[in-house]
């Protein structure tokens, strides 16, 4: 399944699994590079999901009565 189709939790779990494979060591170089590439894709997807969530929260705060009264995160 494509990372774009997964929930944040699924992407994050996949990232942790990828990191665990790399940390175990013993992988052939090409396989390690493939795991690293997949990890980077998953990390970028996690960041994009979090950026979207932050934007959504910011917009909600701006349209609520709290908009100008509360400090930013």
PDB file of N, CA and C in Angstrom:
ATOM      1  N   UNK A   1       0.849  -1.187   0.000  1.00  0.00           N
ATOM      2  CA  UNK A   1       0.000   0.000   0.000  1.00  0.00           C
ATOM      3  C   UNK A   1       0.889   1.243   0.000  1.00  0.00           C
ATOM      4  N   UNK A   2       0.478   2.235  -0.724  1.00  0.00           N
ATOM      5  CA  UNK A   2       1.198   3.501  -0.847  1.00  0.00           C
ATOM      6  C   UNK A   2       1.086   4.291   0.464  1.00  0.00           C
ATOM      7  N   UNK A   3       2.161   4.940   0.860  1.00  0.00           N
ATOM      8  CA  UNK A   3       2.166   5.724   2.103  1.00  0.00           C
ATOM      9  C   UNK A   3       1.109   6.822   2.081  1.00  0.00           C
ATOM     10  N   UNK A   4       0.767   7.316   0.905  1.00  0.00           N
ATOM     11  CA  UNK A   4      -0.243   8.379   0.790  1.00  0.00           C
ATOM     12  C   UNK A   4      -1.624   7.891   1.223  1.00  0.00           C
ATOM     13  N   UNK A   5      -1.850   6.581   1.186  1.00  0.00           N
ATOM     14  CA  UNK A   5      -3.158   6.013   1.500  1.00  0.00           C
ATOM     15  C   UNK A   5      -3.279   5.589   2.962  1.00  0.00           C
ATOM     16  N   UNK A   6      -2.193   5.674   3.708  1.00  0.00           N
ATOM     17  CA  UNK A   6      -2.171   5.196   5.087  1.00  0.00           C
ATOM     18  C   UNK A   6      -2.461   6.312   6.084  1.00  0.00           C
ATOM     19  N   UNK A   7      -2.971   5.917   7.251  1.00  0.00           N
ATOM     20  CA  UNK A   7      -3.184   6.881   8.331  1.00  0.00           C
ATOM     21  C   UNK A   7      -1.837   7.250   8.942  1.00  0.00           C
ATOM     22  N   UNK A   8      -1.830   8.312   9.736  1.00  0.00           N
ATOM     23  CA  UNK A   8      -0.597   8.723  10.408  1.00  0.00           C
ATOM     24  C   UNK A   8      -0.041   7.578  11.247  1.00  0.00           C
ATOM     25  N   UNK A   9      -0.918   6.919  11.983  1.00  0.00           N
ATOM     26  CA  UNK A   9      -0.476   5.840  12.865  1.00  0.00           C
ATOM     27  C   UNK A   9       0.161   4.697  12.074  1.00  0.00           C
ATOM     28  N   UNK A  10      -0.413   4.360  10.932  1.00  0.00           N
ATOM     29  CA  UNK A  10       0.151   3.297  10.094  1.00  0.00           C
ATOM     30  C   UNK A  10       1.507   3.698   9.521  1.00  0.00           C
ATOM     31  N   UNK A  11       1.613   4.942   9.079  1.00  0.00           N
ATOM     32  CA  UNK A  11       2.881   5.428   8.532  1.00  0.00           C
ATOM     33  C   UNK A  11       3.943   5.446   9.626  1.00  0.00           C
ATOM     34  N   UNK A  12       3.589   5.927  10.799  1.00  0.00           N
ATOM     35  CA  UNK A  12       4.525   6.006  11.920  1.00  0.00           C
ATOM     36  C   UNK A  12       4.994   4.610  12.334  1.00  0.00           C
ATOM     37  N   UNK A  13       4.071   3.657  12.377  1.00  0.00           N
ATOM     38  CA  UNK A  13       4.429   2.271  12.711  1.00  0.00           C
ATOM     39  C   UNK A  13       5.393   1.707  11.662  1.00  0.00           C
ATOM     40  N   UNK A  14       5.115   1.960  10.391  1.00  0.00           N
ATOM     41  CA  UNK A  14       6.004   1.511   9.326  1.00  0.00           C
ATOM     42  C   UNK A  14       7.385   2.130   9.440  1.00  0.00           C
ATOM     43  N   UNK A  15       7.440   3.386   9.832  1.00  0.00           N
ATOM     44  CA  UNK A  15       8.723   4.061  10.023  1.00  0.00           C
ATOM     45  C   UNK A  15       9.512   3.392  11.146  1.00  0.00           C
ATOM     46  N   UNK A  16       8.841   3.091  12.245  1.00  0.00           N
ATOM     47  CA  UNK A  16       9.518   2.420  13.362  1.00  0.00           C
ATOM     48  C   UNK A  16      10.032   1.038  12.958  1.00  0.00           C
ATOM     49  N   UNK A  17       9.246   0.305  12.183  1.00  0.00           N
ATOM     50  CA  UNK A  17       9.677  -1.015  11.720  1.00  0.00           C
ATOM     51  C   UNK A  17      10.893  -0.898  10.805  1.00  0.00           C
ATOM     52  N   UNK A  18      10.886   0.093   9.940  1.00  0.00           N
ATOM     53  CA  UNK A  18      12.006   0.307   9.025  1.00  0.00           C
ATOM     54  C   UNK A  18      13.270   0.652   9.801  1.00  0.00           C
ATOM     55  N   UNK A  19      13.133   1.523  10.781  1.00  0.00           N
ATOM     56  CA  UNK A  19      14.278   1.901  11.615  1.00  0.00           C
ATOM     57  C   UNK A  19      14.823   0.673  12.349  1.00  0.00           C
ATOM     58  N   UNK A  20      13.931  -0.159  12.867  1.00  0.00           N
ATOM     59  CA  UNK A  20      14.361  -1.361  13.589  1.00  0.00           C
ATOM     60  C   UNK A  20      15.168  -2.284  12.680  1.00  0.00           C
ATOM     61  N   UNK A  21      14.724  -2.452  11.429  1.00  0.00           N
ATOM     62  CA  UNK A  21      15.470  -3.287  10.476  1.00  0.00           C
ATOM     63  C   UNK A  21      16.868  -2.724  10.257  1.00  0.00           C
ATOM     64  N   UNK A  22      16.953  -1.424  10.092  1.00  0.00           N
ATOM     65  CA  UNK A  22      18.256  -0.800   9.854  1.00  0.00           C
ATOM     66  C   UNK A  22      19.157  -0.904  11.082  1.00  0.00           C
ATOM     67  N   UNK A  23      18.587  -0.730  12.269  1.00  0.00           N
ATOM     68  CA  UNK A  23      19.386  -0.772  13.493  1.00  0.00           C
ATOM     69  C   UNK A  23      19.893  -2.172  13.818  1.00  0.00           C
ATOM     70  N   UNK A  24      19.187  -3.194  13.349  1.00  0.00           N
ATOM     71  CA  UNK A  24      19.639  -4.568  13.577  1.00  0.00           C
ATOM     72  C   UNK A  24      20.964  -4.832  12.876  1.00  0.00           C
ATOM     73  N   UNK A  25      21.163  -4.134  11.772  1.00  0.00           N
ATOM     74  CA  UNK A  25      22.399  -4.325  11.018  1.00  0.00           C
ATOM     75  C   UNK A  25      22.383  -5.633  10.253  1.00  0.00           C
ATOM     76  N   UNK A  26      23.486  -5.912   9.609  1.00  0.00           N
ATOM     77  CA  UNK A  26      23.620  -7.159   8.884  1.00  0.00           C
ATOM     78  C   UNK A  26      22.929  -7.210   7.538  1.00  0.00           C
ATOM     79  N   UNK A  27      22.308  -6.127   7.122  1.00  0.00           N
ATOM     80  CA  UNK A  27      21.638  -6.105   5.825  1.00  0.00           C
ATOM     81  C   UNK A  27      22.663  -5.910   4.715  1.00  0.00           C
ATOM     82  N   UNK A  28      22.434  -6.552   3.580  1.00  0.00           N
ATOM     83  CA  UNK A  28      23.276  -6.237   2.423  1.00  0.00           C
ATOM     84  C   UNK A  28      23.117  -4.753   2.078  1.00  0.00           C
ATOM     85  N   UNK A  29      24.127  -4.170   1.494  1.00  0.00           N
ATOM     86  CA  UNK A  29      24.130  -2.734   1.224  1.00  0.00           C
ATOM     87  C   UNK A  29      22.894  -2.293   0.456  1.00  0.00           C
ATOM     88  N   UNK A  30      22.556  -2.980  -0.623  1.00  0.00           N
ATOM     89  CA  UNK A  30      21.417  -2.558  -1.443  1.00  0.00           C
ATOM     90  C   UNK A  30      20.117  -2.607  -0.647  1.00  0.00           C
ATOM     91  N   UNK A  31      19.953  -3.636   0.167  1.00  0.00           N
ATOM     92  CA  UNK A  31      18.754  -3.746   0.991  1.00  0.00           C
ATOM     93  C   UNK A  31      18.710  -2.635   2.043  1.00  0.00           C
ATOM     94  N   UNK A  32      19.844  -2.303   2.623  1.00  0.00           N
ATOM     95  CA  UNK A  32      19.915  -1.211   3.594  1.00  0.00           C
ATOM     96  C   UNK A  32      19.545   0.113   2.934  1.00  0.00           C
ATOM     97  N   UNK A  33      20.020   0.332   1.719  1.00  0.00           N
ATOM     98  CA  UNK A  33      19.682   1.561   0.990  1.00  0.00           C
ATOM     99  C   UNK A  33      18.190   1.612   0.713  1.00  0.00           C
ATOM    100  N   UNK A  34      17.593   0.486   0.333  1.00  0.00           N
ATOM    101  CA  UNK A  34      16.149   0.441   0.070  1.00  0.00           C
ATOM    102  C   UNK A  34      15.352   0.730   1.338  1.00  0.00           C
ATOM    103  N   UNK A  35      15.779   0.170   2.462  1.00  0.00           N
ATOM    104  CA  UNK A  35      15.109   0.457   3.734  1.00  0.00           C
ATOM    105  C   UNK A  35      15.260   1.939   4.096  1.00  0.00           C
ATOM    106  N   UNK A  36      16.444   2.476   3.886  1.00  0.00           N
ATOM    107  CA  UNK A  36      16.670   3.891   4.182  1.00  0.00           C
ATOM    108  C   UNK A  36      15.759   4.767   3.321  1.00  0.00           C
ATOM    109  N   UNK A  37      15.666   4.441   2.037  1.00  0.00           N
ATOM    110  CA  UNK A  37      14.812   5.217   1.130  1.00  0.00           C
ATOM    111  C   UNK A  37      13.352   5.148   1.573  1.00  0.00           C
ATOM    112  N   UNK A  38      12.893   3.958   1.931  1.00  0.00           N
ATOM    113  CA  UNK A  38      11.518   3.799   2.401  1.00  0.00           C
ATOM    114  C   UNK A  38      11.307   4.591   3.699  1.00  0.00           C
ATOM    115  N   UNK A  39      12.283   4.549   4.583  1.00  0.00           N
ATOM    116  CA  UNK A  39      12.189   5.310   5.822  1.00  0.00           C
ATOM    117  C   UNK A  39      12.070   6.800   5.572  1.00  0.00           C
ATOM    118  N   UNK A  40      12.826   7.300   4.613  1.00  0.00           N
ATOM    119  CA  UNK A  40      12.744   8.723   4.277  1.00  0.00           C
ATOM    120  C   UNK A  40      11.364   9.074   3.723  1.00  0.00           C
ATOM    121  N   UNK A  41      10.812   8.206   2.882  1.00  0.00           N
ATOM    122  CA  UNK A  41       9.468   8.438   2.349  1.00  0.00           C
ATOM    123  C   UNK A  41       8.441   8.478   3.475  1.00  0.00           C
ATOM    124  N   UNK A  42       8.551   7.533   4.390  1.00  0.00           N
ATOM    125  CA  UNK A  42       7.616   7.484   5.515  1.00  0.00           C
ATOM    126  C   UNK A  42       7.779   8.693   6.432  1.00  0.00           C
ATOM    127  N   UNK A  43       9.016   9.095   6.701  1.00  0.00           N
ATOM    128  CA  UNK A  43       9.261  10.270   7.544  1.00  0.00           C
ATOM    129  C   UNK A  43       8.688  11.527   6.896  1.00  0.00           C
ATOM    130  N   UNK A  44       8.864  11.660   5.592  1.00  0.00           N
ATOM    131  CA  UNK A  44       8.316  12.820   4.883  1.00  0.00           C
ATOM    132  C   UNK A  44       6.795  12.816   4.925  1.00  0.00           C
ATOM    133  N   UNK A  45       6.185  11.629   4.815  1.00  0.00           N
ATOM    134  CA  UNK A  45       4.725  11.540   4.872  1.00  0.00           C
ATOM    135  C   UNK A  45       4.225  11.899   6.274  1.00  0.00           C
ATOM    136  N   UNK A  46       4.914  11.426   7.306  1.00  0.00           N
ATOM    137  CA  UNK A  46       4.548  11.796   8.685  1.00  0.00           C
ATOM    138  C   UNK A  46       4.601  13.311   8.857  1.00  0.00           C
ATOM    139  N   UNK A  47       5.662  13.928   8.365  1.00  0.00           N
ATOM    140  CA  UNK A  47       5.816  15.382   8.481  1.00  0.00           C
ATOM    141  C   UNK A  47       4.695  16.103   7.749  1.00  0.00           C
ATOM    142  N   UNK A  48       4.322  15.615   6.572  1.00  0.00           N
ATOM    143  CA  UNK A  48       3.251  16.255   5.803  1.00  0.00           C
ATOM    144  C   UNK A  48       1.914  16.145   6.534  1.00  0.00           C
ATOM    145  N   UNK A  49       1.646  14.985   7.107  1.00  0.00           N
ATOM    146  CA  UNK A  49       0.400  14.804   7.857  1.00  0.00           C
ATOM    147  C   UNK A  49       0.372  15.741   9.064  1.00  0.00           C
ATOM    148  N   UNK A  50       1.480  15.832   9.784  1.00  0.00           N
ATOM    149  CA  UNK A  50       1.545  16.716  10.953  1.00  0.00           C
ATOM    150  C   UNK A  50       1.427  18.183  10.555  1.00  0.00           C
ATOM    151  N   UNK A  51       2.045  18.567   9.443  1.00  0.00           N
ATOM    152  CA  UNK A  51       1.913  19.946   8.957  1.00  0.00           C
ATOM    153  C   UNK A  51       0.456  20.266   8.647  1.00  0.00           C
ATOM    154  N   UNK A  52      -0.238  19.322   8.016  1.00  0.00           N
ATOM    155  CA  UNK A  52      -1.653  19.515   7.706  1.00  0.00           C
ATOM    156  C   UNK A  52      -2.497  19.638   8.958  1.00  0.00           C
ATOM    157  N   UNK A  53      -2.198  18.819   9.951  1.00  0.00           N
ATOM    158  CA  UNK A  53      -2.940  18.882  11.212  1.00  0.00           C
ATOM    159  C   UNK A  53      -2.701  20.212  11.919  1.00  0.00           C
ATOM    160  N   UNK A  54      -1.447  20.674  11.909  1.00  0.00           N
ATOM    161  CA  UNK A  54      -1.133  21.960  12.536  1.00  0.00           C
ATOM    162  C   UNK A  54      -1.869  23.098  11.833  1.00  0.00           C
ATOM    163  N   UNK A  55      -1.909  23.058  10.516  1.00  0.00           N
ATOM    164  CA  UNK A  55      -2.621  24.086   9.755  1.00  0.00           C
ATOM    165  C   UNK A  55      -4.106  24.062  10.083  1.00  0.00           C
ATOM    166  N   UNK A  56      -4.665  22.869  10.184  1.00  0.00           N
ATOM    167  CA  UNK A  56      -6.079  22.743  10.506  1.00  0.00           C
ATOM    168  C   UNK A  56      -6.380  23.315  11.892  1.00  0.00           C
ATOM    169  N   UNK A  57      -5.549  23.008  12.875  1.00  0.00           N
ATOM    170  CA  UNK A  57      -5.744  23.530  14.232  1.00  0.00           C
ATOM    171  C   UNK A  57      -5.601  25.049  14.238  1.00  0.00           C
ATOM    172  N   UNK A  58      -4.604  25.564  13.529  1.00  0.00           N
ATOM    173  CA  UNK A  58      -4.402  27.014  13.452  1.00  0.00           C
ATOM    174  C   UNK A  58      -5.626  27.694  12.865  1.00  0.00           C
ATOM    175  N   UNK A  59      -6.161  27.134  11.800  1.00  0.00           N
ATOM    176  CA  UNK A  59      -7.361  27.717  11.175  1.00  0.00           C
ATOM    177  C   UNK A  59      -8.552  27.664  12.112  1.00  0.00           C
ATOM    178  N   UNK A  60      -8.693  26.561  12.827  1.00  0.00           N
ATOM    179  CA  UNK A  60      -9.799  26.455  13.779  1.00  0.00           C
ATOM    180  C   UNK A  60      -9.675  27.497  14.886  1.00  0.00           C
ATOM    181  N   UNK A  61      -8.464  27.694  15.378  1.00  0.00           N
ATOM    182  CA  UNK A  61      -8.255  28.702  16.419  1.00  0.00           C
ATOM    183  C   UNK A  61      -8.528  30.108  15.899  1.00  0.00           C
ATOM    184  N   UNK A  62      -8.149  30.364  14.659  1.00  0.00           N
ATOM    185  CA  UNK A  62      -8.366  31.694  14.080  1.00  0.00           C
ATOM    186  C   UNK A  62      -9.843  32.003  13.905  1.00  0.00           C
ATOM    187  N   UNK A  63     -10.658  30.981  13.675  1.00  0.00           N
ATOM    188  CA  UNK A  63     -12.085  31.213  13.459  1.00  0.00           C
ATOM    189  C   UNK A  63     -12.901  31.082  14.740  1.00  0.00           C
ATOM    190  N   UNK A  64     -12.258  30.690  15.836  1.00  0.00           N
ATOM    191  CA  UNK A  64     -12.979  30.559  17.098  1.00  0.00           C
ATOM    192  C   UNK A  64     -12.844  31.837  17.915  1.00  0.00           C
ATOM    193  N   UNK A  65     -13.509  31.868  19.025  1.00  0.00           N
ATOM    194  CA  UNK A  65     -13.412  33.021  19.928  1.00  0.00           C
ATOM    195  C   UNK A  65     -12.038  33.113  20.579  1.00  0.00           C
ATOM    196  N   UNK A  66     -11.235  32.050  20.495  1.00  0.00           N
ATOM    197  CA  UNK A  66      -9.898  32.044  21.088  1.00  0.00           C
ATOM    198  C   UNK A  66      -8.852  32.665  20.173  1.00  0.00           C
ATOM    199  N   UNK A  67      -9.217  32.893  18.931  1.00  0.00           N
ATOM    200  CA  UNK A  67      -8.281  33.328  17.907  1.00  0.00           C
ATOM    201  C   UNK A  67      -7.194  34.281  18.331  1.00  0.00           C
ATOM    202  N   UNK A  68      -7.518  35.438  18.863  1.00  0.00           N
ATOM    203  CA  UNK A  68      -6.501  36.414  19.198  1.00  0.00           C
ATOM    204  C   UNK A  68      -6.091  36.419  20.654  1.00  0.00           C
ATOM    205  N   UNK A  69      -6.796  35.669  21.489  1.00  0.00           N
ATOM    206  CA  UNK A  69      -6.544  35.729  22.924  1.00  0.00           C
ATOM    207  C   UNK A  69      -5.515  34.717  23.416  1.00  0.00           C
ATOM    208  N   UNK A  70      -5.354  33.639  22.715  1.00  0.00           N
ATOM    209  CA  UNK A  70      -4.468  32.571  23.167  1.00  0.00           C
ATOM    210  C   UNK A  70      -3.124  32.647  22.455  1.00  0.00           C
ATOM    211  N   UNK A  71      -2.054  32.354  23.170  1.00  0.00           N
ATOM    212  CA  UNK A  71      -0.739  32.332  22.518  1.00  0.00           C
ATOM    213  C   UNK A  71      -0.638  31.160  21.550  1.00  0.00           C
ATOM    214  N   UNK A  72       0.257  31.272  20.587  1.00  0.00           N
ATOM    215  CA  UNK A  72       0.487  30.190  19.637  1.00  0.00           C
ATOM    216  C   UNK A  72       1.092  29.012  20.366  1.00  0.00           C
ATOM    217  N   UNK A  73       1.046  27.865  19.761  1.00  0.00           N
ATOM    218  CA  UNK A  73       1.578  26.635  20.347  1.00  0.00           C
ATOM    219  C   UNK A  73       2.853  26.952  21.009  1.00  0.00           C
TER     220      UNK A  73
END
